[in-house]
Amino acid sequence: MEVHGSGLRRVLLLALCISGIWSAYIYQGVLQETLSTKRFGPDEKRFEHLAFLNLAQSVVCLVWSYIMIKLWSNASSGGAPWWTYWSAGITNTIGPAMGIEALKYISYPAQVLAKSSKMIPVMLMGTLVYGIRYTFPEYISTFLVAGGVAVFALLKTSSKTISKLAHPNAPLGYALCFLNLAFDGFTNATQDSIASRYPKTEAWDIMLGMNLWGTIYNLIYMFGLPQRIGFKAIQFCKQHPEAAWDILKYCLCGAVGQNFIFMTISNFGSLANTTITTTRKFVSIVVSSVMSGNPLSLKQWGCVSMVFGGLSYQIYLKWRKTQRVEKKKEKS
C-alpha cells in the first residue's frame, strides 16, 4: 500500500508507521515475556508450551494476509505460487520456535540482544563461504555488537531475573538464539530468491505463503507427533483463560506489526524500516527492565549501549552507501 503526496503527509505517515511498529512489537514483547515467566491461576502453573505461540501466530497472520490481499492487493497473475514457500516455511517454523523457547533459559533483554546480532552469522558466512570482503567500519560495527552480546552473557544476572525463568541455562538459551538467527538467514535468502524469480509478488503474497506453510508444519509438530503438545496447550488455555487471551493479543500484535512494516518498506524503504525496528528493540529492553522487573546493572546497560551503538553505526554506513549510489545515478 504505497502512498505519495506532500511532505506533511509523508511525515504524518512515517509517524504512523513508527508508532504502529513500536506499539505493536513492544507490547508483543511484554506479552511474550509474560507468557514465558508468569504463573497462571490459583495452581500457579507456567505455560510450558511456548512453541504453540508460533502456530497461533501463523494462523492469525494467514487469515490477516488473506483479508489484506482481498482488500488492498492490485496484483494480477504472475506472483510466486503458494508451493514455492515450502522450504522457507520449514526454517521460518523452526527458527522462531527456537527464539521463543530460549525464554525458558535466558531473560527477555538477553534474548533481544542476542537476536540483534544478526549481521554476525551473515558476515561470517559471507567471508568463509563466499569470500566476500567487508570494509573496516563494517567490522567495527560487528565487533561492537558481538562484544556487547558476549560481555552481557558473561556478566552475572540478577537473582530476581533468574527466579522468573522456567529453567535457567544461559549457554542453551544463547545457543537457541543463534540457531534462530541462522535459520532466519536461510529464510530471508529464500524469500529474496522467490521475489527475484517472481517480480510481481507482493508483500502480502509472501506473508500468505509463509504463514500457510508455517501453519501446516506447526500443526504437524503440535498435533501429529506422539507428544501432542498442541492438545496440552489447548487444555492449559481452557483451564487458564487469561493465558488464552494473552496469546490472542500476542498474535494480533504480530499481524498489526507486519502490516506497518510492509507499509514502511513500500513508502520509505528498507533502511527506514531497519532504523525503526532497531530503536524499537532498545525501547523493548528499557520497558522490560522497568515494567517487567528485569533490573540491569550499570555494566549490563553498557553492553546494551555497545550493541545498539554498533547497530546504529551499521545503519549510518548503509545510509552513506545509499547516498553514494544515488549521487552516481544523478551524475550518469
C-alpha atoms as a PDB file:
ATOM      1  CA  MET A   1       0.000   0.000   0.000  1.00  0.00           C
ATOM      2  CA  GLU A   2       2.127   2.867  -1.333  1.00  0.00           C
ATOM      3  CA  VAL A   3       1.320   6.491  -0.562  1.00  0.00           C
ATOM      4  CA  HIS A   4       2.555   9.551  -2.439  1.00  0.00           C
ATOM      5  CA  GLY A   5       1.849  13.168  -1.620  1.00  0.00           C
ATOM      6  CA  SER A   6       3.028  16.329   0.156  1.00  0.00           C
ATOM      7  CA  GLY A   7       5.852  16.458   2.663  1.00  0.00           C
ATOM      8  CA  LEU A   8       3.455  16.850   5.584  1.00  0.00           C
ATOM      9  CA  ARG A   9       1.503  13.753   4.530  1.00  0.00           C
ATOM     10  CA  ARG A  10       4.727  11.730   4.352  1.00  0.00           C
ATOM     11  CA  VAL A  11       5.826  12.959   7.786  1.00  0.00           C
ATOM     12  CA  LEU A  12       2.447  12.002   9.257  1.00  0.00           C
ATOM     13  CA  LEU A  13       2.584   8.618   7.515  1.00  0.00           C
ATOM     14  CA  LEU A  14       6.107   7.995   8.859  1.00  0.00           C
ATOM     15  CA  ALA A  15       4.931   8.942  12.362  1.00  0.00           C
ATOM     16  CA  LEU A  16       2.041   6.486  11.971  1.00  0.00           C
ATOM     17  CA  CYS A  17       4.421   3.702  10.858  1.00  0.00           C
ATOM     18  CA  ILE A  18       6.813   4.358  13.756  1.00  0.00           C
ATOM     19  CA  SER A  19       4.035   4.414  16.353  1.00  0.00           C
ATOM     20  CA  GLY A  20       2.426   1.312  14.798  1.00  0.00           C
ATOM     21  CA  ILE A  21       5.656  -0.752  14.782  1.00  0.00           C
ATOM     22  CA  TRP A  22       6.739   0.410  18.224  1.00  0.00           C
ATOM     23  CA  SER A  23       3.388  -0.091  19.953  1.00  0.00           C
ATOM     24  CA  ALA A  24       2.672  -3.479  18.310  1.00  0.00           C
ATOM     25  CA  TYR A  25       6.075  -5.082  18.885  1.00  0.00           C
ATOM     26  CA  ILE A  26       6.847  -3.541  22.277  1.00  0.00           C
ATOM     27  CA  TYR A  27       3.503  -4.785  23.597  1.00  0.00           C
ATOM     28  CA  GLN A  28       4.085  -8.153  21.906  1.00  0.00           C
ATOM     29  CA  GLY A  29       7.414  -8.346  23.738  1.00  0.00           C
ATOM     30  CA  VAL A  30       5.668  -7.676  27.046  1.00  0.00           C
ATOM     31  CA  LEU A  31       3.133 -10.430  26.277  1.00  0.00           C
ATOM     32  CA  GLN A  32       5.892 -12.838  25.185  1.00  0.00           C
ATOM     33  CA  GLU A  33       7.747 -12.257  28.434  1.00  0.00           C
ATOM     34  CA  THR A  34       4.519 -12.621  30.435  1.00  0.00           C
ATOM     35  CA  LEU A  35       3.672 -15.957  28.811  1.00  0.00           C
ATOM     36  CA  SER A  36       7.179 -17.309  29.411  1.00  0.00           C
ATOM     37  CA  THR A  37       7.539 -16.244  33.057  1.00  0.00           C
ATOM     38  CA  LYS A  38       4.085 -15.784  34.628  1.00  0.00           C
ATOM     39  CA  ARG A  39       2.395 -18.375  36.835  1.00  0.00           C
ATOM     40  CA  PHE A  40      -1.284 -18.574  35.877  1.00  0.00           C
ATOM     41  CA  GLY A  41      -4.298 -19.332  38.054  1.00  0.00           C
ATOM     42  CA  PRO A  42      -4.611 -20.462  41.688  1.00  0.00           C
ATOM     43  CA  ASP A  43      -2.464 -23.520  40.885  1.00  0.00           C
ATOM     44  CA  GLU A  44       0.335 -21.138  39.720  1.00  0.00           C
ATOM     45  CA  LYS A  45       1.251 -23.159  36.648  1.00  0.00           C
ATOM     46  CA  ARG A  46       3.597 -21.922  33.935  1.00  0.00           C
ATOM     47  CA  PHE A  47       2.681 -22.025  30.250  1.00  0.00           C
ATOM     48  CA  GLU A  48       5.375 -24.504  29.188  1.00  0.00           C
ATOM     49  CA  HIS A  49       4.229 -24.908  25.571  1.00  0.00           C
ATOM     50  CA  LEU A  50       5.783 -21.754  24.099  1.00  0.00           C
ATOM     51  CA  ALA A  51       6.058 -23.350  20.628  1.00  0.00           C
ATOM     52  CA  PHE A  52       2.253 -23.119  20.492  1.00  0.00           C
ATOM     53  CA  LEU A  53       2.678 -19.347  20.070  1.00  0.00           C
ATOM     54  CA  ASN A  54       4.172 -19.957  16.609  1.00  0.00           C
ATOM     55  CA  LEU A  55       1.151 -21.990  15.494  1.00  0.00           C
ATOM     56  CA  ALA A  56      -1.277 -19.382  16.800  1.00  0.00           C
ATOM     57  CA  GLN A  57       0.787 -16.585  15.181  1.00  0.00           C
ATOM     58  CA  SER A  58       0.871 -18.416  11.824  1.00  0.00           C
ATOM     59  CA  VAL A  59      -2.899 -18.969  11.809  1.00  0.00           C
ATOM     60  CA  VAL A  60      -3.719 -15.351  12.698  1.00  0.00           C
ATOM     61  CA  CYS A  61      -1.219 -13.935  10.160  1.00  0.00           C
ATOM     62  CA  LEU A  62      -2.519 -16.342   7.481  1.00  0.00           C
ATOM     63  CA  VAL A  63      -6.066 -15.061   7.959  1.00  0.00           C
ATOM     64  CA  TRP A  64      -4.840 -11.455   8.235  1.00  0.00           C
ATOM     65  CA  SER A  65      -2.806 -11.600   4.997  1.00  0.00           C
ATOM     66  CA  TYR A  66      -5.720 -13.193   3.121  1.00  0.00           C
ATOM     67  CA  ILE A  67      -8.001 -10.353   4.242  1.00  0.00           C
ATOM     68  CA  MET A  68      -5.393  -7.717   3.284  1.00  0.00           C
ATOM     69  CA  ILE A  69      -4.959  -9.258  -0.187  1.00  0.00           C
ATOM     70  CA  LYS A  70      -8.720  -9.145  -0.755  1.00  0.00           C
ATOM     71  CA  LEU A  71      -8.943  -5.539   0.483  1.00  0.00           C
ATOM     72  CA  TRP A  72      -5.778  -3.878  -0.874  1.00  0.00           C
ATOM     73  CA  SER A  73      -3.907  -6.034  -3.386  1.00  0.00           C
ATOM     74  CA  ASN A  74      -3.902  -4.884  -7.009  1.00  0.00           C
ATOM     75  CA  ALA A  75      -1.616  -7.633  -8.243  1.00  0.00           C
ATOM     76  CA  SER A  76      -2.517  -9.620 -11.320  1.00  0.00           C
ATOM     77  CA  SER A  77      -1.258 -13.123 -12.072  1.00  0.00           C
ATOM     78  CA  GLY A  78       2.485 -13.644 -12.128  1.00  0.00           C
ATOM     79  CA  GLY A  79       3.213 -13.762  -8.402  1.00  0.00           C
ATOM     80  CA  ALA A  80       5.009 -16.673  -6.765  1.00  0.00           C
ATOM     81  CA  PRO A  81       2.885 -19.865  -6.492  1.00  0.00           C
ATOM     82  CA  TRP A  82       1.995 -20.884  -2.940  1.00  0.00           C
ATOM     83  CA  TRP A  83       4.084 -24.070  -3.106  1.00  0.00           C
ATOM     84  CA  THR A  84       7.355 -22.148  -3.673  1.00  0.00           C
ATOM     85  CA  TYR A  85       7.443 -21.185   0.013  1.00  0.00           C
ATOM     86  CA  TRP A  86       7.678 -24.762   1.327  1.00  0.00           C
ATOM     87  CA  SER A  87      11.435 -24.686   2.126  1.00  0.00           C
ATOM     88  CA  ALA A  88      11.434 -21.193   3.626  1.00  0.00           C
ATOM     89  CA  GLY A  89       8.386 -22.260   5.621  1.00  0.00           C
ATOM     90  CA  ILE A  90      10.439 -25.007   7.305  1.00  0.00           C
ATOM     91  CA  THR A  91      13.195 -22.676   8.534  1.00  0.00           C
ATOM     92  CA  ASN A  92      10.647 -19.965   9.355  1.00  0.00           C
ATOM     93  CA  THR A  93       8.888 -22.513  11.587  1.00  0.00           C
ATOM     94  CA  ILE A  94      11.995 -23.879  13.328  1.00  0.00           C
ATOM     95  CA  GLY A  95      13.868 -20.565  13.776  1.00  0.00           C
ATOM     96  CA  PRO A  96      11.250 -18.518  15.683  1.00  0.00           C
ATOM     97  CA  ALA A  97      10.350 -21.610  17.747  1.00  0.00           C
ATOM     98  CA  MET A  98      13.957 -21.718  18.990  1.00  0.00           C
ATOM     99  CA  GLY A  99      13.889 -17.984  19.726  1.00  0.00           C
ATOM    100  CA  ILE A 100      10.745 -18.291  21.845  1.00  0.00           C
ATOM    101  CA  GLU A 101      11.996 -21.460  23.540  1.00  0.00           C
ATOM    102  CA  ALA A 102      15.127 -19.537  24.593  1.00  0.00           C
ATOM    103  CA  LEU A 103      12.977 -17.502  27.003  1.00  0.00           C
ATOM    104  CA  LYS A 104      12.813 -20.544  29.276  1.00  0.00           C
ATOM    105  CA  TYR A 105      16.571 -20.263  29.782  1.00  0.00           C
ATOM    106  CA  ILE A 106      17.550 -16.560  29.479  1.00  0.00           C
ATOM    107  CA  SER A 107      15.843 -13.242  30.217  1.00  0.00           C
ATOM    108  CA  TYR A 108      13.925 -11.247  27.611  1.00  0.00           C
ATOM    109  CA  PRO A 109      16.582  -8.446  27.413  1.00  0.00           C
ATOM    110  CA  ALA A 110      19.272 -11.106  26.846  1.00  0.00           C
ATOM    111  CA  GLN A 111      17.182 -12.703  24.087  1.00  0.00           C
ATOM    112  CA  VAL A 112      16.599  -9.346  22.349  1.00  0.00           C
ATOM    113  CA  LEU A 113      20.321  -8.526  22.462  1.00  0.00           C
ATOM    114  CA  ALA A 114      21.349 -11.947  21.129  1.00  0.00           C
ATOM    115  CA  LYS A 115      18.833 -11.741  18.268  1.00  0.00           C
ATOM    116  CA  SER A 116      20.077  -8.223  17.422  1.00  0.00           C
ATOM    117  CA  SER A 117      23.434  -9.662  16.322  1.00  0.00           C
ATOM    118  CA  LYS A 118      22.060 -10.924  13.016  1.00  0.00           C
ATOM    119  CA  MET A 119      24.928  -9.467  10.989  1.00  0.00           C
ATOM    120  CA  ILE A 120      27.497 -11.701  12.743  1.00  0.00           C
ATOM    121  CA  PRO A 121      26.484 -15.019  11.085  1.00  0.00           C
ATOM    122  CA  VAL A 122      25.803 -13.128   7.820  1.00  0.00           C
ATOM    123  CA  MET A 123      29.335 -11.680   7.705  1.00  0.00           C
ATOM    124  CA  LEU A 124      30.884 -14.934   8.927  1.00  0.00           C
ATOM    125  CA  MET A 125      29.164 -16.953   6.195  1.00  0.00           C
ATOM    126  CA  GLY A 126      29.924 -14.252   3.610  1.00  0.00           C
ATOM    127  CA  THR A 127      33.629 -14.307   4.448  1.00  0.00           C
ATOM    128  CA  LEU A 128      34.143 -18.061   4.868  1.00  0.00           C
ATOM    129  CA  VAL A 129      31.773 -19.419   2.204  1.00  0.00           C
ATOM    130  CA  TYR A 130      31.533 -16.701  -0.467  1.00  0.00           C
ATOM    131  CA  GLY A 131      34.865 -14.888   0.044  1.00  0.00           C
ATOM    132  CA  ILE A 132      33.179 -11.503   0.480  1.00  0.00           C
ATOM    133  CA  ARG A 133      35.454  -8.724   1.751  1.00  0.00           C
ATOM    134  CA  TYR A 134      33.894  -6.238   4.158  1.00  0.00           C
ATOM    135  CA  THR A 135      35.133  -2.729   4.971  1.00  0.00           C
ATOM    136  CA  PHE A 136      36.915  -1.845   8.212  1.00  0.00           C
ATOM    137  CA  PRO A 137      33.923   0.200   9.532  1.00  0.00           C
ATOM    138  CA  GLU A 138      31.669  -2.827   8.939  1.00  0.00           C
ATOM    139  CA  TYR A 139      33.998  -4.976  11.039  1.00  0.00           C
ATOM    140  CA  ILE A 140      33.994  -2.278  13.763  1.00  0.00           C
ATOM    141  CA  SER A 141      30.174  -2.226  13.938  1.00  0.00           C
ATOM    142  CA  THR A 142      30.084  -6.033  14.077  1.00  0.00           C
ATOM    143  CA  PHE A 143      32.764  -6.095  16.787  1.00  0.00           C
ATOM    144  CA  LEU A 144      30.729  -3.681  18.935  1.00  0.00           C
ATOM    145  CA  VAL A 145      27.620  -5.859  18.628  1.00  0.00           C
ATOM    146  CA  ALA A 146      29.454  -9.147  19.186  1.00  0.00           C
ATOM    147  CA  GLY A 147      31.446  -7.729  22.098  1.00  0.00           C
ATOM    148  CA  GLY A 148      28.352  -6.259  23.744  1.00  0.00           C
ATOM    149  CA  VAL A 149      26.407  -9.526  23.492  1.00  0.00           C
ATOM    150  CA  ALA A 150      29.389 -11.609  24.685  1.00  0.00           C
ATOM    151  CA  VAL A 151      30.126  -9.456  27.746  1.00  0.00           C
ATOM    152  CA  PHE A 152      26.408  -9.225  28.606  1.00  0.00           C
ATOM    153  CA  ALA A 153      26.219 -13.027  28.525  1.00  0.00           C
ATOM    154  CA  LEU A 154      29.248 -13.336  30.849  1.00  0.00           C
ATOM    155  CA  LEU A 155      28.010 -10.809  33.420  1.00  0.00           C
ATOM    156  CA  LYS A 156      26.062 -12.095  36.401  1.00  0.00           C
ATOM    157  CA  THR A 157      22.273 -11.925  36.003  1.00  0.00           C
ATOM    158  CA  SER A 158      20.273 -10.645  38.990  1.00  0.00           C
ATOM    159  CA  SER A 159      18.717 -13.290  41.240  1.00  0.00           C
ATOM    160  CA  LYS A 160      15.308 -11.645  40.721  1.00  0.00           C
ATOM    161  CA  THR A 161      15.522 -12.189  36.948  1.00  0.00           C
ATOM    162  CA  ILE A 162      16.788 -15.778  37.320  1.00  0.00           C
ATOM    163  CA  SER A 163      13.950 -16.661  39.697  1.00  0.00           C
ATOM    164  CA  LYS A 164      11.400 -15.820  36.976  1.00  0.00           C
ATOM    165  CA  LEU A 165      12.915 -18.207  34.404  1.00  0.00           C
ATOM    166  CA  ALA A 166      11.447 -21.691  33.962  1.00  0.00           C
ATOM    167  CA  HIS A 167      14.821 -23.457  33.530  1.00  0.00           C
ATOM    168  CA  PRO A 168      17.781 -21.034  33.848  1.00  0.00           C
ATOM    169  CA  ASN A 169      20.534 -22.146  31.453  1.00  0.00           C
ATOM    170  CA  ALA A 170      22.381 -19.297  29.725  1.00  0.00           C
ATOM    171  CA  PRO A 171      24.533 -21.374  27.284  1.00  0.00           C
ATOM    172  CA  LEU A 172      21.478 -23.243  25.997  1.00  0.00           C
ATOM    173  CA  GLY A 173      19.419 -20.047  25.760  1.00  0.00           C
ATOM    174  CA  TYR A 174      22.067 -18.180  23.740  1.00  0.00           C
ATOM    175  CA  ALA A 175      22.673 -21.234  21.537  1.00  0.00           C
ATOM    176  CA  LEU A 176      18.954 -21.336  20.672  1.00  0.00           C
ATOM    177  CA  CYS A 177      19.015 -17.613  19.811  1.00  0.00           C
ATOM    178  CA  PHE A 178      21.987 -18.003  17.446  1.00  0.00           C
ATOM    179  CA  LEU A 179      20.387 -21.038  15.789  1.00  0.00           C
ATOM    180  CA  ASN A 180      17.296 -18.855  15.364  1.00  0.00           C
ATOM    181  CA  LEU A 181      19.463 -16.284  13.536  1.00  0.00           C
ATOM    182  CA  ALA A 182      20.991 -18.975  11.296  1.00  0.00           C
ATOM    183  CA  PHE A 183      17.573 -20.262  10.245  1.00  0.00           C
ATOM    184  CA  ASP A 184      16.341 -16.679   9.744  1.00  0.00           C
ATOM    185  CA  GLY A 185      19.275 -16.095   7.380  1.00  0.00           C
ATOM    186  CA  PHE A 186      18.200 -19.015   5.195  1.00  0.00           C
ATOM    187  CA  THR A 187      14.581 -17.836   5.323  1.00  0.00           C
ATOM    188  CA  ASN A 188      15.498 -14.298   4.201  1.00  0.00           C
ATOM    189  CA  ALA A 189      17.743 -15.579   1.404  1.00  0.00           C
ATOM    190  CA  THR A 190      14.982 -17.886   0.119  1.00  0.00           C
ATOM    191  CA  GLN A 191      12.413 -15.075   0.228  1.00  0.00           C
ATOM    192  CA  ASP A 192      14.779 -12.821  -1.761  1.00  0.00           C
ATOM    193  CA  SER A 193      15.259 -15.608  -4.307  1.00  0.00           C
ATOM    194  CA  ILE A 194      11.489 -16.044  -4.697  1.00  0.00           C
ATOM    195  CA  ALA A 195      10.998 -12.278  -5.075  1.00  0.00           C
ATOM    196  CA  SER A 196      13.672 -12.103  -7.809  1.00  0.00           C
ATOM    197  CA  ARG A 197      12.184 -15.047  -9.723  1.00  0.00           C
ATOM    198  CA  TYR A 198       8.633 -13.699  -9.417  1.00  0.00           C
ATOM    199  CA  PRO A 199       8.921  -9.865  -9.508  1.00  0.00           C
ATOM    200  CA  LYS A 200       5.147  -9.368  -9.356  1.00  0.00           C
ATOM    201  CA  THR A 201       4.959 -10.991  -5.925  1.00  0.00           C
ATOM    202  CA  GLU A 202       3.644  -8.561  -3.304  1.00  0.00           C
ATOM    203  CA  ALA A 203       4.465  -8.456   0.406  1.00  0.00           C
ATOM    204  CA  TRP A 204       1.044  -9.829   1.333  1.00  0.00           C
ATOM    205  CA  ASP A 205       1.578 -12.786  -1.032  1.00  0.00           C
ATOM    206  CA  ILE A 206       4.837 -13.615   0.765  1.00  0.00           C
ATOM    207  CA  MET A 207       3.118 -13.289   4.137  1.00  0.00           C
ATOM    208  CA  LEU A 208       0.288 -15.575   2.969  1.00  0.00           C
ATOM    209  CA  GLY A 209       2.626 -18.226   1.523  1.00  0.00           C
ATOM    210  CA  MET A 210       4.979 -18.238   4.517  1.00  0.00           C
ATOM    211  CA  ASN A 211       2.196 -18.483   7.074  1.00  0.00           C
ATOM    212  CA  LEU A 212       0.321 -21.139   5.068  1.00  0.00           C
ATOM    213  CA  TRP A 213       3.329 -23.465   5.262  1.00  0.00           C
ATOM    214  CA  GLY A 214       4.054 -22.323   8.817  1.00  0.00           C
ATOM    215  CA  THR A 215       0.529 -23.358   9.812  1.00  0.00           C
ATOM    216  CA  ILE A 216       0.891 -26.756   8.110  1.00  0.00           C
ATOM    217  CA  TYR A 217       4.281 -27.524   9.709  1.00  0.00           C
ATOM    218  CA  ASN A 218       3.237 -26.283  13.148  1.00  0.00           C
ATOM    219  CA  LEU A 219       0.025 -28.337  13.031  1.00  0.00           C
ATOM    220  CA  ILE A 220       2.074 -31.464  12.252  1.00  0.00           C
ATOM    221  CA  TYR A 221       4.529 -30.682  15.069  1.00  0.00           C
ATOM    222  CA  MET A 222       1.915 -29.711  17.655  1.00  0.00           C
ATOM    223  CA  PHE A 223      -0.700 -32.398  16.949  1.00  0.00           C
ATOM    224  CA  GLY A 224       0.874 -35.072  14.719  1.00  0.00           C
ATOM    225  CA  LEU A 225       3.861 -36.134  16.809  1.00  0.00           C
ATOM    226  CA  PRO A 226       3.458 -38.550  19.750  1.00  0.00           C
ATOM    227  CA  GLN A 227       3.948 -35.782  22.351  1.00  0.00           C
ATOM    228  CA  ARG A 228       0.823 -33.969  21.053  1.00  0.00           C
ATOM    229  CA  ILE A 229       1.917 -30.697  22.622  1.00  0.00           C
ATOM    230  CA  GLY A 230      -0.940 -28.836  20.943  1.00  0.00           C
ATOM    231  CA  PHE A 231      -3.605 -30.696  22.943  1.00  0.00           C
ATOM    232  CA  LYS A 232      -1.748 -29.902  26.179  1.00  0.00           C
ATOM    233  CA  ALA A 233      -1.518 -26.217  25.215  1.00  0.00           C
ATOM    234  CA  ILE A 234      -5.252 -26.038  24.404  1.00  0.00           C
ATOM    235  CA  GLN A 235      -6.091 -27.792  27.689  1.00  0.00           C
ATOM    236  CA  PHE A 236      -3.945 -25.247  29.559  1.00  0.00           C
ATOM    237  CA  CYS A 237      -5.768 -22.364  27.832  1.00  0.00           C
ATOM    238  CA  LYS A 238      -9.149 -23.873  28.776  1.00  0.00           C
ATOM    239  CA  GLN A 239      -8.067 -24.061  32.410  1.00  0.00           C
ATOM    240  CA  HIS A 240      -6.431 -20.610  32.323  1.00  0.00           C
ATOM    241  CA  PRO A 241      -8.464 -18.252  30.034  1.00  0.00           C
ATOM    242  CA  GLU A 242      -6.106 -15.396  30.920  1.00  0.00           C
ATOM    243  CA  ALA A 243      -3.300 -17.191  29.067  1.00  0.00           C
ATOM    244  CA  ALA A 244      -5.551 -17.728  26.019  1.00  0.00           C
ATOM    245  CA  TRP A 245      -6.361 -14.018  25.955  1.00  0.00           C
ATOM    246  CA  ASP A 246      -2.652 -13.116  26.161  1.00  0.00           C
ATOM    247  CA  ILE A 247      -1.902 -15.491  23.256  1.00  0.00           C
ATOM    248  CA  LEU A 248      -4.614 -13.887  21.099  1.00  0.00           C
ATOM    249  CA  LYS A 249      -3.276 -10.392  21.825  1.00  0.00           C
ATOM    250  CA  TYR A 250       0.266 -11.617  21.100  1.00  0.00           C
ATOM    251  CA  CYS A 251      -0.812 -12.874  17.660  1.00  0.00           C
ATOM    252  CA  LEU A 252      -2.780  -9.729  16.794  1.00  0.00           C
ATOM    253  CA  CYS A 253       0.233  -7.584  17.709  1.00  0.00           C
ATOM    254  CA  GLY A 254       2.366  -9.625  15.302  1.00  0.00           C
ATOM    255  CA  ALA A 255      -0.154  -9.232  12.462  1.00  0.00           C
ATOM    256  CA  VAL A 256      -0.554  -5.478  13.021  1.00  0.00           C
ATOM    257  CA  GLY A 257       3.214  -5.040  13.320  1.00  0.00           C
ATOM    258  CA  GLN A 258       3.815  -6.820   9.994  1.00  0.00           C
ATOM    259  CA  ASN A 259       1.213  -4.557   8.417  1.00  0.00           C
ATOM    260  CA  PHE A 260       3.151  -1.422   9.450  1.00  0.00           C
ATOM    261  CA  ILE A 261       6.495  -2.966   8.442  1.00  0.00           C
ATOM    262  CA  PHE A 262       5.204  -3.600   4.906  1.00  0.00           C
ATOM    263  CA  MET A 263       3.784  -0.058   4.807  1.00  0.00           C
ATOM    264  CA  THR A 264       7.136   1.391   5.935  1.00  0.00           C
ATOM    265  CA  ILE A 265       9.188  -0.577   3.384  1.00  0.00           C
ATOM    266  CA  SER A 266       6.851   0.278   0.471  1.00  0.00           C
ATOM    267  CA  ASN A 267       6.828   4.021   1.274  1.00  0.00           C
ATOM    268  CA  PHE A 268      10.194   4.764   2.890  1.00  0.00           C
ATOM    269  CA  GLY A 269      12.471   1.816   2.042  1.00  0.00           C
ATOM    270  CA  SER A 270      14.176  -0.945   3.995  1.00  0.00           C
ATOM    271  CA  LEU A 271      16.725   1.390   5.651  1.00  0.00           C
ATOM    272  CA  ALA A 272      13.972   3.365   7.398  1.00  0.00           C
ATOM    273  CA  ASN A 273      12.377   0.110   8.483  1.00  0.00           C
ATOM    274  CA  THR A 274      15.691  -1.176   9.880  1.00  0.00           C
ATOM    275  CA  THR A 275      16.154   2.059  11.853  1.00  0.00           C
ATOM    276  CA  ILE A 276      12.650   1.902  13.330  1.00  0.00           C
ATOM    277  CA  THR A 277      12.848  -1.783  14.281  1.00  0.00           C
ATOM    278  CA  THR A 278      16.349  -1.378  15.787  1.00  0.00           C
ATOM    279  CA  THR A 279      15.307   1.511  18.036  1.00  0.00           C
ATOM    280  CA  ARG A 280      12.202  -0.480  18.959  1.00  0.00           C
ATOM    281  CA  LYS A 281      14.390  -3.300  20.282  1.00  0.00           C
ATOM    282  CA  PHE A 282      16.247  -0.870  22.527  1.00  0.00           C
ATOM    283  CA  VAL A 283      12.981   0.526  23.880  1.00  0.00           C
ATOM    284  CA  SER A 284      11.756  -3.056  24.451  1.00  0.00           C
ATOM    285  CA  ILE A 285      14.748  -3.704  26.723  1.00  0.00           C
ATOM    286  CA  VAL A 286      14.036  -0.487  28.656  1.00  0.00           C
ATOM    287  CA  VAL A 287      10.353  -1.429  29.010  1.00  0.00           C
ATOM    288  CA  SER A 288      11.273  -4.939  30.151  1.00  0.00           C
ATOM    289  CA  SER A 289      13.713  -3.572  32.716  1.00  0.00           C
ATOM    290  CA  VAL A 290      11.244  -1.029  34.128  1.00  0.00           C
ATOM    291  CA  MET A 291       7.850  -2.721  33.817  1.00  0.00           C
ATOM    292  CA  SER A 292       8.625  -6.447  33.990  1.00  0.00           C
ATOM    293  CA  GLY A 293      11.126  -6.299  36.830  1.00  0.00           C
ATOM    294  CA  ASN A 294      14.287  -7.333  34.953  1.00  0.00           C
ATOM    295  CA  PRO A 295      16.827  -4.994  36.584  1.00  0.00           C
ATOM    296  CA  LEU A 296      20.049  -4.458  34.640  1.00  0.00           C
ATOM    297  CA  SER A 297      23.340  -3.470  36.246  1.00  0.00           C
ATOM    298  CA  LEU A 298      25.363  -0.460  35.055  1.00  0.00           C
ATOM    299  CA  LYS A 299      27.764  -2.822  33.248  1.00  0.00           C
ATOM    300  CA  GLN A 300      24.843  -4.553  31.504  1.00  0.00           C
ATOM    301  CA  TRP A 301      23.493  -1.189  30.349  1.00  0.00           C
ATOM    302  CA  GLY A 302      26.985  -0.518  28.990  1.00  0.00           C
ATOM    303  CA  CYS A 303      26.737  -3.741  26.960  1.00  0.00           C
ATOM    304  CA  VAL A 304      23.291  -2.742  25.690  1.00  0.00           C
ATOM    305  CA  SER A 305      24.753   0.629  24.610  1.00  0.00           C
ATOM    306  CA  MET A 306      27.622  -1.167  22.826  1.00  0.00           C
ATOM    307  CA  VAL A 307      25.214  -3.369  20.865  1.00  0.00           C
ATOM    308  CA  PHE A 308      22.908  -0.557  19.798  1.00  0.00           C
ATOM    309  CA  GLY A 309      25.852   1.737  19.134  1.00  0.00           C
ATOM    310  CA  GLY A 310      27.142  -0.889  16.699  1.00  0.00           C
ATOM    311  CA  LEU A 311      23.702  -1.306  15.124  1.00  0.00           C
ATOM    312  CA  SER A 312      23.299   2.480  14.779  1.00  0.00           C
ATOM    313  CA  TYR A 313      26.726   2.725  13.135  1.00  0.00           C
ATOM    314  CA  GLN A 314      25.724  -0.046  10.730  1.00  0.00           C
ATOM    315  CA  ILE A 315      22.558   1.876   9.800  1.00  0.00           C
ATOM    316  CA  TYR A 316      24.684   5.002   9.211  1.00  0.00           C
ATOM    317  CA  LEU A 317      27.041   3.026   6.929  1.00  0.00           C
ATOM    318  CA  LYS A 318      24.054   1.755   4.918  1.00  0.00           C
ATOM    319  CA  TRP A 319      22.719   5.319   4.625  1.00  0.00           C
ATOM    320  CA  ARG A 320      26.106   6.577   3.346  1.00  0.00           C
ATOM    321  CA  LYS A 321      26.239   3.745   0.818  1.00  0.00           C
ATOM    322  CA  THR A 322      22.719   4.615  -0.384  1.00  0.00           C
ATOM    323  CA  GLN A 323      23.686   8.298  -0.734  1.00  0.00           C
ATOM    324  CA  ARG A 324      26.752   7.400  -2.842  1.00  0.00           C
ATOM    325  CA  VAL A 325      24.655   5.190  -5.151  1.00  0.00           C
ATOM    326  CA  GLU A 326      22.083   7.978  -5.612  1.00  0.00           C
ATOM    327  CA  LYS A 327      24.811  10.518  -6.436  1.00  0.00           C
ATOM    328  CA  LYS A 328      26.280   8.166  -9.070  1.00  0.00           C
ATOM    329  CA  LYS A 329      22.848   7.808 -10.643  1.00  0.00           C
ATOM    330  CA  GLU A 330      22.420  11.604 -10.755  1.00  0.00           C
ATOM    331  CA  LYS A 331      25.798  12.050 -12.451  1.00  0.00           C
ATOM    332  CA  SER A 332      25.081   9.380 -15.051  1.00  0.00           C
END
